[in-house]
Amino acid sequence: MSFVETDAWQWNLSSAGLDRRQYTKAEFDNLLERYECPDSKNRWDSPLFMVQSDEDIDFDSIAKCLLEGRAAKANQSTVMMNNLPSNVMCDIEKITKEVTQKVLSQKGGQQIFTKGVVPQAKLLKSILGIVS
């Protein structure tokens, strides 16, 4: 165990009787195996403020970063989807209902889908912007 791990384990042991939950040794070791050190090069770890147990927290720098810092660049997870047609939910419900009814009404090895369902599924994929 490194110094930081030993320090963390001691902190865990000292939490007995406080409002914090104390981890068992097995739980603690499992958490250590899953731990990934923060890296300021990663978008989700930036800006990175390292705080050691024997240091004061620089609240001014954190507040300045939060309140005056530059906004992160938009990426695929934060960009708004194209505006969908107002009746998209109605179309989805209609197609889903038709497919469900056809599946439930079939017996044996009969053909389930007619030629009309496949274009509707393609239309649904295009409405939702699903790329296959």
N, C-alpha and C. Protein backbone atom coordinates (compact mmCIF):
# COMPACT_ATOMS: atom_id res chain seq x y z
N MET A 1 0.85 -1.18 0.00
CA MET A 1 0.00 0.00 0.00
C MET A 1 0.89 1.24 0.00
N SER A 2 0.56 2.19 -0.87
CA SER A 2 1.33 3.43 -0.91
C SER A 2 0.92 4.33 0.25
N PHE A 3 1.65 5.43 0.40
CA PHE A 3 1.35 6.38 1.48
C PHE A 3 -0.09 6.88 1.36
N VAL A 4 -0.51 7.23 0.13
CA VAL A 4 -1.87 7.76 -0.08
C VAL A 4 -2.91 6.71 0.29
N GLU A 5 -2.67 5.46 -0.11
CA GLU A 5 -3.61 4.39 0.22
C GLU A 5 -3.67 4.17 1.73
N THR A 6 -2.51 4.19 2.38
CA THR A 6 -2.46 4.03 3.84
C THR A 6 -3.20 5.17 4.52
N ASP A 7 -2.99 6.38 4.02
CA ASP A 7 -3.66 7.55 4.55
C ASP A 7 -5.18 7.42 4.39
N ALA A 8 -5.61 6.95 3.21
CA ALA A 8 -7.04 6.79 2.95
C ALA A 8 -7.63 5.71 3.86
N TRP A 9 -6.88 4.62 4.06
CA TRP A 9 -7.37 3.55 4.93
C TRP A 9 -7.50 4.05 6.37
N GLN A 10 -6.54 4.83 6.83
CA GLN A 10 -6.61 5.40 8.17
C GLN A 10 -7.80 6.34 8.30
N TRP A 11 -8.06 7.13 7.26
CA TRP A 11 -9.21 8.03 7.25
C TRP A 11 -10.50 7.22 7.35
N ASN A 12 -10.56 6.11 6.61
CA ASN A 12 -11.72 5.24 6.65
C ASN A 12 -11.92 4.68 8.06
N LEU A 13 -10.84 4.22 8.68
CA LEU A 13 -10.94 3.67 10.03
C LEU A 13 -11.38 4.72 11.04
N SER A 14 -10.94 5.95 10.84
CA SER A 14 -11.29 7.02 11.79
C SER A 14 -12.73 7.49 11.63
N SER A 15 -13.43 7.02 10.59
CA SER A 15 -14.81 7.47 10.37
C SER A 15 -15.80 6.70 11.22
N ALA A 16 -15.33 5.71 11.98
CA ALA A 16 -16.23 4.95 12.86
C ALA A 16 -16.88 5.90 13.86
N GLY A 17 -18.18 5.81 13.98
CA GLY A 17 -18.90 6.66 14.92
C GLY A 17 -19.34 7.99 14.33
N LEU A 18 -18.83 8.33 13.16
CA LEU A 18 -19.26 9.56 12.49
C LEU A 18 -20.42 9.22 11.56
N ASP A 19 -20.90 10.21 10.83
CA ASP A 19 -22.02 9.97 9.92
C ASP A 19 -21.59 9.31 8.62
N ARG A 20 -20.30 9.06 8.46
CA ARG A 20 -19.81 8.40 7.25
C ARG A 20 -19.85 6.89 7.43
N ARG A 21 -20.03 6.20 6.32
CA ARG A 21 -20.01 4.74 6.33
C ARG A 21 -18.57 4.27 6.30
N GLN A 22 -18.25 3.32 7.13
CA GLN A 22 -16.89 2.76 7.16
C GLN A 22 -16.85 1.53 6.25
N TYR A 23 -15.86 1.47 5.34
CA TYR A 23 -15.71 0.35 4.43
C TYR A 23 -14.97 -0.80 5.11
N THR A 24 -15.33 -2.02 4.73
CA THR A 24 -14.57 -3.18 5.17
C THR A 24 -13.26 -3.20 4.37
N LYS A 25 -12.31 -3.99 4.80
CA LYS A 25 -11.02 -4.08 4.10
C LYS A 25 -11.24 -4.60 2.66
N ALA A 26 -12.12 -5.57 2.50
CA ALA A 26 -12.40 -6.12 1.16
C ALA A 26 -13.01 -5.05 0.26
N GLU A 27 -13.98 -4.28 0.78
CA GLU A 27 -14.59 -3.20 -0.01
C GLU A 27 -13.55 -2.14 -0.37
N PHE A 28 -12.73 -1.80 0.58
CA PHE A 28 -11.70 -0.79 0.36
C PHE A 28 -10.72 -1.23 -0.72
N ASP A 29 -10.27 -2.48 -0.64
CA ASP A 29 -9.36 -3.01 -1.66
C ASP A 29 -10.00 -3.05 -3.03
N ASN A 30 -11.29 -3.38 -3.08
CA ASN A 30 -12.02 -3.39 -4.35
C ASN A 30 -12.09 -1.97 -4.93
N LEU A 31 -12.35 -1.00 -4.09
CA LEU A 31 -12.36 0.40 -4.55
C LEU A 31 -11.00 0.81 -5.08
N LEU A 32 -9.94 0.40 -4.41
CA LEU A 32 -8.59 0.74 -4.86
C LEU A 32 -8.29 0.16 -6.24
N GLU A 33 -8.77 -1.05 -6.50
CA GLU A 33 -8.56 -1.68 -7.79
C GLU A 33 -9.25 -0.90 -8.91
N ARG A 34 -10.37 -0.29 -8.60
CA ARG A 34 -11.15 0.45 -9.60
C ARG A 34 -10.75 1.92 -9.71
N TYR A 35 -9.94 2.38 -8.80
CA TYR A 35 -9.58 3.79 -8.75
C TYR A 35 -8.74 4.19 -9.96
N GLU A 36 -9.08 5.31 -10.54
CA GLU A 36 -8.32 5.88 -11.65
C GLU A 36 -7.84 7.27 -11.22
N CYS A 37 -6.55 7.45 -11.22
CA CYS A 37 -6.00 8.75 -10.82
C CYS A 37 -6.49 9.84 -11.75
N PRO A 38 -6.89 10.99 -11.22
CA PRO A 38 -7.30 12.10 -12.07
C PRO A 38 -6.13 12.58 -12.93
N ASP A 39 -6.45 13.01 -14.14
CA ASP A 39 -5.44 13.49 -15.07
C ASP A 39 -5.98 14.76 -15.72
N SER A 40 -5.29 15.87 -15.55
CA SER A 40 -5.78 17.15 -16.07
C SER A 40 -5.85 17.17 -17.59
N LYS A 41 -5.26 16.19 -18.26
CA LYS A 41 -5.34 16.11 -19.72
C LYS A 41 -6.71 15.60 -20.17
N ASN A 42 -7.41 14.91 -19.27
CA ASN A 42 -8.74 14.41 -19.60
C ASN A 42 -9.75 15.54 -19.47
N ARG A 43 -10.67 15.60 -20.39
CA ARG A 43 -11.68 16.65 -20.40
C ARG A 43 -12.49 16.66 -19.10
N TRP A 44 -12.83 15.48 -18.60
CA TRP A 44 -13.67 15.40 -17.40
C TRP A 44 -12.92 15.68 -16.11
N ASP A 45 -11.60 15.73 -16.19
CA ASP A 45 -10.81 16.05 -15.00
C ASP A 45 -10.24 17.47 -15.07
N SER A 46 -10.73 18.25 -15.98
CA SER A 46 -10.15 19.59 -16.16
C SER A 46 -11.23 20.64 -15.94
N PRO A 47 -10.98 21.62 -15.15
CA PRO A 47 -9.76 21.88 -14.41
C PRO A 47 -9.65 20.93 -13.21
N LEU A 48 -8.42 20.63 -12.87
CA LEU A 48 -8.17 19.69 -11.78
C LEU A 48 -7.60 20.44 -10.59
N PHE A 49 -8.25 20.31 -9.45
CA PHE A 49 -7.77 20.90 -8.20
C PHE A 49 -7.39 19.77 -7.27
N MET A 50 -6.11 19.60 -7.06
CA MET A 50 -5.62 18.55 -6.16
C MET A 50 -5.62 19.11 -4.73
N VAL A 51 -6.17 18.34 -3.81
CA VAL A 51 -6.21 18.76 -2.42
C VAL A 51 -5.60 17.64 -1.58
N GLN A 52 -4.56 17.96 -0.87
CA GLN A 52 -3.92 16.98 0.01
C GLN A 52 -4.54 17.11 1.40
N SER A 53 -4.46 16.05 2.17
CA SER A 53 -5.12 16.04 3.48
C SER A 53 -4.53 17.07 4.45
N ASP A 54 -3.28 17.49 4.21
CA ASP A 54 -2.65 18.44 5.13
C ASP A 54 -2.63 19.87 4.57
N GLU A 55 -3.38 20.11 3.48
CA GLU A 55 -3.39 21.45 2.85
C GLU A 55 -4.77 22.07 2.99
N ASP A 56 -4.79 23.41 2.89
CA ASP A 56 -6.07 24.12 2.86
C ASP A 56 -6.60 24.10 1.44
N ILE A 57 -7.91 24.13 1.31
CA ILE A 57 -8.55 24.13 0.00
C ILE A 57 -8.58 25.57 -0.52
N ASP A 58 -8.19 25.74 -1.77
CA ASP A 58 -8.16 27.06 -2.40
C ASP A 58 -9.54 27.37 -3.01
N PHE A 59 -10.47 27.75 -2.15
CA PHE A 59 -11.84 28.00 -2.59
C PHE A 59 -11.93 29.16 -3.59
N ASP A 60 -11.07 30.15 -3.46
CA ASP A 60 -11.10 31.29 -4.38
C ASP A 60 -10.81 30.85 -5.81
N SER A 61 -9.81 30.00 -5.99
CA SER A 61 -9.48 29.52 -7.33
C SER A 61 -10.60 28.67 -7.91
N ILE A 62 -11.20 27.85 -7.07
CA ILE A 62 -12.30 27.00 -7.53
C ILE A 62 -13.49 27.86 -7.93
N ALA A 63 -13.84 28.84 -7.10
CA ALA A 63 -14.96 29.73 -7.42
C ALA A 63 -14.68 30.52 -8.69
N LYS A 64 -13.46 31.02 -8.84
CA LYS A 64 -13.10 31.78 -10.04
C LYS A 64 -13.25 30.91 -11.29
N CYS A 65 -12.81 29.69 -11.20
CA CYS A 65 -12.91 28.77 -12.33
C CYS A 65 -14.37 28.49 -12.68
N LEU A 66 -15.18 28.26 -11.66
CA LEU A 66 -16.59 27.96 -11.90
C LEU A 66 -17.37 29.15 -12.43
N LEU A 67 -17.09 30.33 -11.88
CA LEU A 67 -17.88 31.50 -12.22
C LEU A 67 -17.34 32.31 -13.38
N GLU A 68 -16.03 32.27 -13.59
CA GLU A 68 -15.43 33.10 -14.63
C GLU A 68 -14.73 32.29 -15.71
N GLY A 69 -14.64 30.99 -15.52
CA GLY A 69 -13.91 30.14 -16.46
C GLY A 69 -14.60 30.04 -17.80
N ARG A 70 -13.85 29.57 -18.77
CA ARG A 70 -14.41 29.42 -20.11
C ARG A 70 -15.32 28.20 -20.15
N ALA A 71 -16.32 28.27 -20.98
CA ALA A 71 -17.24 27.15 -21.13
C ALA A 71 -16.57 26.05 -21.95
N ALA A 72 -16.90 24.83 -21.63
CA ALA A 72 -16.34 23.69 -22.38
C ALA A 72 -16.92 23.67 -23.79
N LYS A 73 -16.12 23.18 -24.72
CA LYS A 73 -16.60 23.05 -26.10
C LYS A 73 -17.70 22.01 -26.15
N ALA A 74 -18.67 22.27 -27.00
CA ALA A 74 -19.77 21.32 -27.17
C ALA A 74 -19.24 20.07 -27.86
N ASN A 75 -19.75 18.92 -27.46
CA ASN A 75 -19.43 17.68 -28.14
C ASN A 75 -20.73 16.93 -28.40
N GLN A 76 -20.64 15.73 -28.92
CA GLN A 76 -21.83 14.98 -29.32
C GLN A 76 -22.81 14.77 -28.15
N SER A 77 -22.31 14.65 -26.95
CA SER A 77 -23.20 14.40 -25.82
C SER A 77 -23.89 15.66 -25.32
N THR A 78 -23.42 16.84 -25.72
CA THR A 78 -24.02 18.08 -25.22
C THR A 78 -24.73 18.89 -26.30
N VAL A 79 -24.60 18.49 -27.55
CA VAL A 79 -25.24 19.23 -28.64
C VAL A 79 -26.71 18.83 -28.72
N MET A 80 -27.57 19.82 -28.91
CA MET A 80 -29.00 19.55 -29.03
C MET A 80 -29.29 18.80 -30.32
N MET A 81 -30.23 17.88 -30.26
CA MET A 81 -30.64 17.15 -31.46
C MET A 81 -31.39 18.11 -32.39
N ASN A 82 -31.41 17.74 -33.66
CA ASN A 82 -32.22 18.52 -34.60
C ASN A 82 -33.66 18.51 -34.14
N ASN A 83 -34.35 19.57 -34.46
CA ASN A 83 -35.76 19.62 -34.09
C ASN A 83 -36.52 18.52 -34.80
N LEU A 84 -37.20 17.71 -34.05
CA LEU A 84 -37.99 16.63 -34.63
C LEU A 84 -39.37 17.15 -34.98
N PRO A 85 -40.02 16.51 -35.95
CA PRO A 85 -41.38 16.93 -36.29
C PRO A 85 -42.29 16.83 -35.07
N SER A 86 -43.29 17.66 -35.03
CA SER A 86 -44.17 17.70 -33.86
C SER A 86 -44.96 16.41 -33.68
N ASN A 87 -45.13 15.64 -34.75
CA ASN A 87 -45.92 14.41 -34.65
C ASN A 87 -45.05 13.17 -34.52
N VAL A 88 -43.77 13.32 -34.17
CA VAL A 88 -42.87 12.17 -34.14
C VAL A 88 -43.33 11.11 -33.15
N MET A 89 -43.82 11.49 -31.99
CA MET A 89 -44.27 10.51 -31.01
C MET A 89 -45.49 9.74 -31.51
N CYS A 90 -46.36 10.43 -32.21
CA CYS A 90 -47.54 9.78 -32.78
C CYS A 90 -47.10 8.75 -33.83
N ASP A 91 -46.13 9.12 -34.68
CA ASP A 91 -45.62 8.20 -35.70
C ASP A 91 -44.96 6.99 -35.06
N ILE A 92 -44.16 7.22 -34.04
CA ILE A 92 -43.48 6.12 -33.35
C ILE A 92 -44.51 5.17 -32.73
N GLU A 93 -45.50 5.74 -32.08
CA GLU A 93 -46.52 4.92 -31.44
C GLU A 93 -47.29 4.10 -32.48
N LYS A 94 -47.63 4.71 -33.60
CA LYS A 94 -48.39 4.04 -34.65
C LYS A 94 -47.60 2.87 -35.23
N ILE A 95 -46.34 3.11 -35.55
CA ILE A 95 -45.51 2.06 -36.14
C ILE A 95 -45.27 0.94 -35.13
N THR A 96 -44.99 1.30 -33.88
CA THR A 96 -44.76 0.30 -32.84
C THR A 96 -46.00 -0.55 -32.62
N LYS A 97 -47.16 0.08 -32.61
CA LYS A 97 -48.42 -0.64 -32.41
C LYS A 97 -48.66 -1.62 -33.55
N GLU A 98 -48.41 -1.19 -34.77
CA GLU A 98 -48.63 -2.06 -35.93
C GLU A 98 -47.68 -3.25 -35.90
N VAL A 99 -46.41 -3.01 -35.62
CA VAL A 99 -45.43 -4.10 -35.57
C VAL A 99 -45.80 -5.07 -34.44
N THR A 100 -46.15 -4.55 -33.28
CA THR A 100 -46.51 -5.39 -32.13
C THR A 100 -47.74 -6.25 -32.46
N GLN A 101 -48.75 -5.64 -33.07
CA GLN A 101 -49.96 -6.39 -33.42
C GLN A 101 -49.65 -7.50 -34.41
N LYS A 102 -48.79 -7.22 -35.39
CA LYS A 102 -48.45 -8.25 -36.38
C LYS A 102 -47.66 -9.39 -35.75
N VAL A 103 -46.76 -9.07 -34.86
CA VAL A 103 -45.99 -10.11 -34.19
C VAL A 103 -46.91 -10.98 -33.33
N LEU A 104 -47.80 -10.35 -32.57
CA LEU A 104 -48.68 -11.09 -31.66
C LEU A 104 -49.75 -11.89 -32.40
N SER A 105 -50.11 -11.47 -33.61
CA SER A 105 -51.18 -12.14 -34.34
C SER A 105 -50.69 -13.34 -35.15
N GLN A 106 -49.41 -13.53 -35.26
CA GLN A 106 -48.86 -14.61 -36.08
C GLN A 106 -48.88 -15.94 -35.34
N LYS A 107 -49.12 -17.00 -36.13
CA LYS A 107 -49.09 -18.35 -35.59
C LYS A 107 -48.16 -19.17 -36.46
N GLY A 108 -47.42 -20.06 -35.84
CA GLY A 108 -46.53 -20.94 -36.59
C GLY A 108 -45.43 -20.17 -37.30
N GLY A 109 -45.07 -20.64 -38.49
CA GLY A 109 -43.96 -20.04 -39.23
C GLY A 109 -44.40 -19.09 -40.31
N GLN A 110 -45.58 -18.50 -40.18
CA GLN A 110 -46.06 -17.59 -41.21
C GLN A 110 -45.22 -16.33 -41.25
N GLN A 111 -45.28 -15.68 -42.42
CA GLN A 111 -44.53 -14.43 -42.57
C GLN A 111 -45.13 -13.37 -41.66
N ILE A 112 -44.26 -12.69 -40.91
CA ILE A 112 -44.73 -11.71 -39.94
C ILE A 112 -44.87 -10.33 -40.57
N PHE A 113 -43.86 -9.91 -41.30
CA PHE A 113 -43.84 -8.53 -41.81
C PHE A 113 -44.28 -8.47 -43.27
N THR A 114 -45.09 -7.47 -43.56
CA THR A 114 -45.46 -7.20 -44.94
C THR A 114 -44.50 -6.17 -45.49
N LYS A 115 -44.63 -5.89 -46.76
CA LYS A 115 -43.74 -4.91 -47.38
C LYS A 115 -43.92 -3.52 -46.79
N GLY A 116 -45.07 -3.24 -46.19
CA GLY A 116 -45.33 -1.91 -45.65
C GLY A 116 -44.60 -1.60 -44.36
N VAL A 117 -44.21 -2.62 -43.60
CA VAL A 117 -43.59 -2.38 -42.30
C VAL A 117 -42.14 -1.94 -42.44
N VAL A 118 -41.39 -2.54 -43.36
CA VAL A 118 -39.98 -2.21 -43.52
C VAL A 118 -39.77 -0.74 -43.88
N PRO A 119 -40.51 -0.19 -44.85
CA PRO A 119 -40.34 1.25 -45.11
C PRO A 119 -40.72 2.11 -43.91
N GLN A 120 -41.70 1.68 -43.13
CA GLN A 120 -42.07 2.44 -41.94
C GLN A 120 -40.93 2.42 -40.93
N ALA A 121 -40.27 1.28 -40.78
CA ALA A 121 -39.14 1.19 -39.87
C ALA A 121 -38.00 2.08 -40.35
N LYS A 122 -37.78 2.10 -41.67
CA LYS A 122 -36.74 2.98 -42.22
C LYS A 122 -37.10 4.44 -42.00
N LEU A 123 -38.38 4.77 -42.15
CA LEU A 123 -38.85 6.13 -41.90
C LEU A 123 -38.61 6.50 -40.44
N LEU A 124 -38.92 5.59 -39.54
CA LEU A 124 -38.71 5.83 -38.12
C LEU A 124 -37.23 6.07 -37.82
N LYS A 125 -36.36 5.27 -38.42
CA LYS A 125 -34.92 5.44 -38.22
C LYS A 125 -34.47 6.80 -38.74
N SER A 126 -35.01 7.23 -39.88
CA SER A 126 -34.59 8.51 -40.44
C SER A 126 -35.12 9.67 -39.59
N ILE A 127 -36.32 9.53 -39.06
CA ILE A 127 -36.89 10.58 -38.20
C ILE A 127 -36.04 10.75 -36.96
N LEU A 128 -35.60 9.63 -36.36
CA LEU A 128 -34.81 9.68 -35.14
C LEU A 128 -33.33 9.90 -35.40
N GLY A 129 -32.92 9.88 -36.65
CA GLY A 129 -31.53 10.11 -36.98
C GLY A 129 -30.63 8.93 -36.63
N ILE A 130 -31.19 7.72 -36.69
CA ILE A 130 -30.41 6.53 -36.38
C ILE A 130 -29.65 6.10 -37.62
N VAL A 131 -28.35 5.93 -37.46
CA VAL A 131 -27.51 5.51 -38.58
C VAL A 131 -27.18 4.05 -38.39
N SER A 132 -27.39 3.25 -39.46
CA SER A 132 -27.07 1.82 -39.33
C SER A 132 -25.84 1.47 -40.14
